[in-house]
Amino acid sequence: MSTPKKREVTFRTKRCPDCSTELPLTAARCTGCDRRVGPVDSQGRAIKPVDWAAYAMCLLAWIAFGLYIWWAFF
């Protein structure tokens, strides 16, 4: 038995994952919602880039909350 081969699909445009606006493949920001977009996935949608600043702010907020609890109750 032979294994099925995967077909390479090429796209001419990509769609914003938030507002579904058609964008050129080289676009870094969406023209509809002005959010950052990444490369195209296998279904023609742009991949959302990771927002590391939001993760850092969340971590700092949890640390500040933990320090407040420690200061207030211990």
PDB file of N, CA and C in Angstrom:
ATOM      1  N   MET A   1       0.835  -1.184   0.000  1.00  0.00           N
ATOM      2  CA  MET A   1       0.000   0.000   0.000  1.00  0.00           C
ATOM      3  C   MET A   1       0.876   1.243   0.000  1.00  0.00           C
ATOM      4  N   SER A   2       0.495   2.172  -0.792  1.00  0.00           N
ATOM      5  CA  SER A   2       1.234   3.433  -0.812  1.00  0.00           C
ATOM      6  C   SER A   2       0.550   4.437   0.114  1.00  0.00           C
ATOM      7  N   THR A   3       1.353   5.301   0.688  1.00  0.00           N
ATOM      8  CA  THR A   3       0.798   6.309   1.589  1.00  0.00           C
ATOM      9  C   THR A   3       0.299   7.495   0.778  1.00  0.00           C
ATOM     10  N   PRO A   4      -0.810   8.091   1.181  1.00  0.00           N
ATOM     11  CA  PRO A   4      -1.317   9.245   0.444  1.00  0.00           C
ATOM     12  C   PRO A   4      -0.387  10.443   0.625  1.00  0.00           C
ATOM     13  N   LYS A   5      -0.192  11.177  -0.449  1.00  0.00           N
ATOM     14  CA  LYS A   5       0.687  12.336  -0.403  1.00  0.00           C
ATOM     15  C   LYS A   5      -0.127  13.581  -0.107  1.00  0.00           C
ATOM     16  N   LYS A   6       0.458  14.466   0.681  1.00  0.00           N
ATOM     17  CA  LYS A   6      -0.206  15.722   0.997  1.00  0.00           C
ATOM     18  C   LYS A   6      -0.012  16.695  -0.157  1.00  0.00           C
ATOM     19  N   ARG A   7      -1.084  17.371  -0.512  1.00  0.00           N
ATOM     20  CA  ARG A   7      -1.000  18.363  -1.577  1.00  0.00           C
ATOM     21  C   ARG A   7      -0.596  19.704  -0.997  1.00  0.00           C
ATOM     22  N   GLU A   8       0.278  20.382  -1.680  1.00  0.00           N
ATOM     23  CA  GLU A   8       0.653  21.734  -1.297  1.00  0.00           C
ATOM     24  C   GLU A   8      -0.389  22.694  -1.841  1.00  0.00           C
ATOM     25  N   VAL A   9      -0.971  23.479  -0.969  1.00  0.00           N
ATOM     26  CA  VAL A   9      -1.962  24.460  -1.379  1.00  0.00           C
ATOM     27  C   VAL A   9      -1.338  25.832  -1.240  1.00  0.00           C
ATOM     28  N   THR A  10      -1.394  26.613  -2.297  1.00  0.00           N
ATOM     29  CA  THR A  10      -0.874  27.970  -2.237  1.00  0.00           C
ATOM     30  C   THR A  10      -2.040  28.938  -2.291  1.00  0.00           C
ATOM     31  N   PHE A  11      -1.938  29.979  -1.541  1.00  0.00           N
ATOM     32  CA  PHE A  11      -2.983  30.983  -1.473  1.00  0.00           C
ATOM     33  C   PHE A  11      -2.469  32.292  -2.055  1.00  0.00           C
ATOM     34  N   ARG A  12      -3.371  33.074  -2.607  1.00  0.00           N
ATOM     35  CA  ARG A  12      -3.023  34.400  -3.123  1.00  0.00           C
ATOM     36  C   ARG A  12      -3.316  35.480  -2.096  1.00  0.00           C
ATOM     37  N   THR A  13      -4.253  35.209  -1.205  1.00  0.00           N
ATOM     38  CA  THR A  13      -4.601  36.136  -0.130  1.00  0.00           C
ATOM     39  C   THR A  13      -4.748  35.353   1.167  1.00  0.00           C
ATOM     40  N   LYS A  14      -4.860  36.090   2.261  1.00  0.00           N
ATOM     41  CA  LYS A  14      -5.149  35.477   3.554  1.00  0.00           C
ATOM     42  C   LYS A  14      -6.274  36.276   4.204  1.00  0.00           C
ATOM     43  N   ARG A  15      -6.987  35.631   5.126  1.00  0.00           N
ATOM     44  CA  ARG A  15      -8.088  36.290   5.814  1.00  0.00           C
ATOM     45  C   ARG A  15      -7.701  36.590   7.249  1.00  0.00           C
ATOM     46  N   CYS A  16      -8.115  37.752   7.727  1.00  0.00           N
ATOM     47  CA  CYS A  16      -7.866  38.143   9.109  1.00  0.00           C
ATOM     48  C   CYS A  16      -8.633  37.198  10.030  1.00  0.00           C
ATOM     49  N   PRO A  17      -8.010  36.677  11.101  1.00  0.00           N
ATOM     50  CA  PRO A  17      -8.715  35.761  11.996  1.00  0.00           C
ATOM     51  C   PRO A  17      -9.781  36.462  12.847  1.00  0.00           C
ATOM     52  N   ASP A  18      -9.731  37.778  12.956  1.00  0.00           N
ATOM     53  CA  ASP A  18     -10.698  38.496  13.786  1.00  0.00           C
ATOM     54  C   ASP A  18     -11.894  39.012  12.993  1.00  0.00           C
ATOM     55  N   CYS A  19     -11.645  39.633  11.824  1.00  0.00           N
ATOM     56  CA  CYS A  19     -12.756  40.255  11.089  1.00  0.00           C
ATOM     57  C   CYS A  19     -12.967  39.661   9.698  1.00  0.00           C
ATOM     58  N   SER A  20     -12.180  38.687   9.294  1.00  0.00           N
ATOM     59  CA  SER A  20     -12.295  37.976   8.012  1.00  0.00           C
ATOM     60  C   SER A  20     -12.110  38.868   6.793  1.00  0.00           C
ATOM     61  N   THR A  21     -11.355  39.936   6.924  1.00  0.00           N
ATOM     62  CA  THR A  21     -11.033  40.788   5.787  1.00  0.00           C
ATOM     63  C   THR A  21      -9.976  40.097   4.936  1.00  0.00           C
ATOM     64  N   GLU A  22     -10.156  40.124   3.617  1.00  0.00           N
ATOM     65  CA  GLU A  22      -9.156  39.552   2.705  1.00  0.00           C
ATOM     66  C   GLU A  22      -7.935  40.476   2.668  1.00  0.00           C
ATOM     67  N   LEU A  23      -6.758  39.900   2.858  1.00  0.00           N
ATOM     68  CA  LEU A  23      -5.507  40.658   2.906  1.00  0.00           C
ATOM     69  C   LEU A  23      -4.499  40.040   1.953  1.00  0.00           C
ATOM     70  N   PRO A  24      -3.548  40.842   1.453  1.00  0.00           N
ATOM     71  CA  PRO A  24      -2.459  40.244   0.684  1.00  0.00           C
ATOM     72  C   PRO A  24      -1.568  39.392   1.596  1.00  0.00           C
ATOM     73  N   LEU A  25      -0.857  38.463   1.009  1.00  0.00           N
ATOM     74  CA  LEU A  25      -0.005  37.565   1.799  1.00  0.00           C
ATOM     75  C   LEU A  25       1.094  38.300   2.552  1.00  0.00           C
ATOM     76  N   THR A  26       1.502  39.460   2.065  1.00  0.00           N
ATOM     77  CA  THR A  26       2.601  40.195   2.694  1.00  0.00           C
ATOM     78  C   THR A  26       2.129  41.151   3.785  1.00  0.00           C
ATOM     79  N   ALA A  27       0.829  41.222   4.048  1.00  0.00           N
ATOM     80  CA  ALA A  27       0.295  42.168   5.035  1.00  0.00           C
ATOM     81  C   ALA A  27       0.721  41.768   6.443  1.00  0.00           C
ATOM     82  N   ALA A  28       1.117  42.759   7.232  1.00  0.00           N
ATOM     83  CA  ALA A  28       1.477  42.535   8.622  1.00  0.00           C
ATOM     84  C   ALA A  28       0.381  43.010   9.565  1.00  0.00           C
ATOM     85  N   ARG A  29      -0.481  43.936   9.098  1.00  0.00           N
ATOM     86  CA  ARG A  29      -1.598  44.445   9.867  1.00  0.00           C
ATOM     87  C   ARG A  29      -2.864  44.376   9.033  1.00  0.00           C
ATOM     88  N   CYS A  30      -3.978  44.132   9.678  1.00  0.00           N
ATOM     89  CA  CYS A  30      -5.267  44.063   8.989  1.00  0.00           C
ATOM     90  C   CYS A  30      -5.744  45.481   8.674  1.00  0.00           C
ATOM     91  N   THR A  31      -6.269  45.664   7.482  1.00  0.00           N
ATOM     92  CA  THR A  31      -6.780  46.978   7.110  1.00  0.00           C
ATOM     93  C   THR A  31      -8.167  47.219   7.689  1.00  0.00           C
ATOM     94  N   GLY A  32      -8.870  46.182   8.077  1.00  0.00           N
ATOM     95  CA  GLY A  32     -10.213  46.328   8.626  1.00  0.00           C
ATOM     96  C   GLY A  32     -10.230  46.629  10.115  1.00  0.00           C
ATOM     97  N   CYS A  33      -9.450  45.874  10.892  1.00  0.00           N
ATOM     98  CA  CYS A  33      -9.477  46.040  12.349  1.00  0.00           C
ATOM     99  C   CYS A  33      -8.150  46.524  12.922  1.00  0.00           C
ATOM    100  N   ASP A  34      -7.135  46.695  12.096  1.00  0.00           N
ATOM    101  CA  ASP A  34      -5.807  47.215  12.467  1.00  0.00           C
ATOM    102  C   ASP A  34      -5.103  46.338  13.516  1.00  0.00           C
ATOM    103  N   ARG A  35      -5.326  45.035  13.467  1.00  0.00           N
ATOM    104  CA  ARG A  35      -4.620  44.109  14.351  1.00  0.00           C
ATOM    105  C   ARG A  35      -3.493  43.426  13.586  1.00  0.00           C
ATOM    106  N   ARG A  36      -2.495  42.972  14.323  1.00  0.00           N
ATOM    107  CA  ARG A  36      -1.378  42.279  13.684  1.00  0.00           C
ATOM    108  C   ARG A  36      -1.826  40.909  13.199  1.00  0.00           C
ATOM    109  N   VAL A  37      -1.318  40.512  12.054  1.00  0.00           N
ATOM    110  CA  VAL A  37      -1.604  39.184  11.516  1.00  0.00           C
ATOM    111  C   VAL A  37      -0.287  38.532  11.132  1.00  0.00           C
ATOM    112  N   GLY A  38      -0.260  37.222  11.190  1.00  0.00           N
ATOM    113  CA  GLY A  38       0.941  36.466  10.871  1.00  0.00           C
ATOM    114  C   GLY A  38       0.831  35.798   9.517  1.00  0.00           C
ATOM    115  N   PRO A  39       1.607  34.769   9.306  1.00  0.00           N
ATOM    116  CA  PRO A  39       1.571  34.051   8.028  1.00  0.00           C
ATOM    117  C   PRO A  39       0.268  33.268   7.868  1.00  0.00           C
ATOM    118  N   VAL A  40       0.026  32.815   6.658  1.00  0.00           N
ATOM    119  CA  VAL A  40      -1.207  32.093   6.348  1.00  0.00           C
ATOM    120  C   VAL A  40      -1.086  30.635   6.794  1.00  0.00           C
ATOM    121  N   ASP A  41      -2.212  30.066   7.277  1.00  0.00           N
ATOM    122  CA  ASP A  41      -2.212  28.659   7.673  1.00  0.00           C
ATOM    123  C   ASP A  41      -2.732  27.801   6.526  1.00  0.00           C
ATOM    124  N   SER A  42      -3.004  26.551   6.784  1.00  0.00           N
ATOM    125  CA  SER A  42      -3.410  25.629   5.723  1.00  0.00           C
ATOM    126  C   SER A  42      -4.833  25.863   5.238  1.00  0.00           C
ATOM    127  N   GLN A  43      -5.612  26.673   5.938  1.00  0.00           N
ATOM    128  CA  GLN A  43      -6.988  26.943   5.542  1.00  0.00           C
ATOM    129  C   GLN A  43      -7.178  28.341   4.960  1.00  0.00           C
ATOM    130  N   GLY A  44      -6.113  29.094   4.815  1.00  0.00           N
ATOM    131  CA  GLY A  44      -6.197  30.414   4.214  1.00  0.00           C
ATOM    132  C   GLY A  44      -6.403  31.552   5.189  1.00  0.00           C
ATOM    133  N   ARG A  45      -6.407  31.253   6.475  1.00  0.00           N
ATOM    134  CA  ARG A  45      -6.547  32.300   7.479  1.00  0.00           C
ATOM    135  C   ARG A  45      -5.174  32.682   8.005  1.00  0.00           C
ATOM    136  N   ALA A  46      -5.042  33.941   8.395  1.00  0.00           N
ATOM    137  CA  ALA A  46      -3.793  34.404   8.987  1.00  0.00           C
ATOM    138  C   ALA A  46      -3.696  33.875  10.416  1.00  0.00           C
ATOM    139  N   ILE A  47      -2.503  33.556  10.838  1.00  0.00           N
ATOM    140  CA  ILE A  47      -2.264  33.062  12.191  1.00  0.00           C
ATOM    141  C   ILE A  47      -2.118  34.268  13.119  1.00  0.00           C
ATOM    142  N   LYS A  48      -2.758  34.194  14.289  1.00  0.00           N
ATOM    143  CA  LYS A  48      -2.626  35.273  15.265  1.00  0.00           C
ATOM    144  C   LYS A  48      -1.249  35.185  15.908  1.00  0.00           C
ATOM    145  N   PRO A  49      -0.470  36.257  15.884  1.00  0.00           N
ATOM    146  CA  PRO A  49       0.818  36.218  16.566  1.00  0.00           C
ATOM    147  C   PRO A  49       0.627  36.249  18.084  1.00  0.00           C
ATOM    148  N   VAL A  50       1.577  35.707  18.811  1.00  0.00           N
ATOM    149  CA  VAL A  50       1.505  35.653  20.265  1.00  0.00           C
ATOM    150  C   VAL A  50       1.756  37.050  20.819  1.00  0.00           C
ATOM    151  N   ASP A  51       0.907  37.482  21.730  1.00  0.00           N
ATOM    152  CA  ASP A  51       1.040  38.792  22.364  1.00  0.00           C
ATOM    153  C   ASP A  51       1.796  38.624  23.679  1.00  0.00           C
ATOM    154  N   TRP A  52       3.127  38.663  23.596  1.00  0.00           N
ATOM    155  CA  TRP A  52       3.954  38.416  24.771  1.00  0.00           C
ATOM    156  C   TRP A  52       3.792  39.509  25.816  1.00  0.00           C
ATOM    157  N   ALA A  53       3.488  40.734  25.420  1.00  0.00           N
ATOM    158  CA  ALA A  53       3.297  41.826  26.381  1.00  0.00           C
ATOM    159  C   ALA A  53       2.102  41.530  27.287  1.00  0.00           C
ATOM    160  N   ALA A  54       1.049  40.965  26.743  1.00  0.00           N
ATOM    161  CA  ALA A  54      -0.119  40.630  27.553  1.00  0.00           C
ATOM    162  C   ALA A  54       0.215  39.523  28.561  1.00  0.00           C
ATOM    163  N   TYR A  55       0.995  38.535  28.139  1.00  0.00           N
ATOM    164  CA  TYR A  55       1.399  37.484  29.069  1.00  0.00           C
ATOM    165  C   TYR A  55       2.282  38.041  30.187  1.00  0.00           C
ATOM    166  N   ALA A  56       3.183  38.956  29.855  1.00  0.00           N
ATOM    167  CA  ALA A  56       4.050  39.572  30.859  1.00  0.00           C
ATOM    168  C   ALA A  56       3.233  40.400  31.846  1.00  0.00           C
ATOM    169  N   MET A  57       2.258  41.165  31.357  1.00  0.00           N
ATOM    170  CA  MET A  57       1.411  41.966  32.241  1.00  0.00           C
ATOM    171  C   MET A  57       0.585  41.071  33.167  1.00  0.00           C
ATOM    172  N   CYS A  58       0.095  39.970  32.647  1.00  0.00           N
ATOM    173  CA  CYS A  58      -0.668  39.034  33.470  1.00  0.00           C
ATOM    174  C   CYS A  58       0.208  38.450  34.584  1.00  0.00           C
ATOM    175  N   LEU A  59       1.423  38.071  34.229  1.00  0.00           N
ATOM    176  CA  LEU A  59       2.349  37.528  35.221  1.00  0.00           C
ATOM    177  C   LEU A  59       2.672  38.566  36.296  1.00  0.00           C
ATOM    178  N   LEU A  60       2.928  39.799  35.884  1.00  0.00           N
ATOM    179  CA  LEU A  60       3.217  40.860  36.856  1.00  0.00           C
ATOM    180  C   LEU A  60       2.010  41.132  37.757  1.00  0.00           C
ATOM    181  N   ALA A  61       0.814  41.083  37.207  1.00  0.00           N
ATOM    182  CA  ALA A  61      -0.383  41.300  38.015  1.00  0.00           C
ATOM    183  C   ALA A  61      -0.539  40.197  39.056  1.00  0.00           C
ATOM    184  N   TRP A  62      -0.286  38.942  38.685  1.00  0.00           N
ATOM    185  CA  TRP A  62      -0.385  37.846  39.649  1.00  0.00           C
ATOM    186  C   TRP A  62       0.692  37.957  40.731  1.00  0.00           C
ATOM    187  N   ILE A  63       1.877  38.383  40.355  1.00  0.00           N
ATOM    188  CA  ILE A  63       2.945  38.573  41.351  1.00  0.00           C
ATOM    189  C   ILE A  63       2.564  39.686  42.320  1.00  0.00           C
ATOM    190  N   ALA A  64       2.052  40.800  41.787  1.00  0.00           N
ATOM    191  CA  ALA A  64       1.631  41.906  42.647  1.00  0.00           C
ATOM    192  C   ALA A  64       0.498  41.476  43.570  1.00  0.00           C
ATOM    193  N   PHE A  65      -0.448  40.709  43.064  1.00  0.00           N
ATOM    194  CA  PHE A  65      -1.550  40.211  43.892  1.00  0.00           C
ATOM    195  C   PHE A  65      -1.024  39.300  44.996  1.00  0.00           C
ATOM    196  N   GLY A  66      -0.095  38.403  44.647  1.00  0.00           N
ATOM    197  CA  GLY A  66       0.493  37.512  45.651  1.00  0.00           C
ATOM    198  C   GLY A  66       1.245  38.278  46.721  1.00  0.00           C
ATOM    199  N   LEU A  67       2.000  39.296  46.318  1.00  0.00           N
ATOM    200  CA  LEU A  67       2.720  40.114  47.303  1.00  0.00           C
ATOM    201  C   LEU A  67       1.755  40.881  48.199  1.00  0.00           C
ATOM    202  N   TYR A  68       0.660  41.377  47.647  1.00  0.00           N
ATOM    203  CA  TYR A  68      -0.343  42.072  48.454  1.00  0.00           C
ATOM    204  C   TYR A  68      -0.972  41.131  49.466  1.00  0.00           C
ATOM    205  N   ILE A  69      -1.339  39.923  49.047  1.00  0.00           N
ATOM    206  CA  ILE A  69      -1.924  38.945  49.970  1.00  0.00           C
ATOM    207  C   ILE A  69      -0.933  38.611  51.080  1.00  0.00           C
ATOM    208  N   TRP A  70       0.339  38.424  50.712  1.00  0.00           N
ATOM    209  CA  TRP A  70       1.355  38.107  51.702  1.00  0.00           C
ATOM    210  C   TRP A  70       1.538  39.261  52.679  1.00  0.00           C
ATOM    211  N   TRP A  71       1.556  40.500  52.180  1.00  0.00           N
ATOM    212  CA  TRP A  71       1.723  41.673  53.024  1.00  0.00           C
ATOM    213  C   TRP A  71       0.503  41.887  53.933  1.00  0.00           C
ATOM    214  N   ALA A  72      -0.687  41.697  53.399  1.00  0.00           N
ATOM    215  CA  ALA A  72      -1.908  42.024  54.145  1.00  0.00           C
ATOM    216  C   ALA A  72      -2.271  40.964  55.177  1.00  0.00           C
ATOM    217  N   PHE A  73      -1.978  39.700  54.920  1.00  0.00           N
ATOM    218  CA  PHE A  73      -2.481  38.652  55.794  1.00  0.00           C
ATOM    219  C   PHE A  73      -1.413  37.858  56.533  1.00  0.00           C
ATOM    220  N   PHE A  74      -0.159  38.027  56.198  1.00  0.00           N
ATOM    221  CA  PHE A  74       0.877  37.228  56.877  1.00  0.00           C
ATOM    222  C   PHE A  74       1.826  38.086  57.605  1.00  0.00           C
TER     223      PHE A  74
END
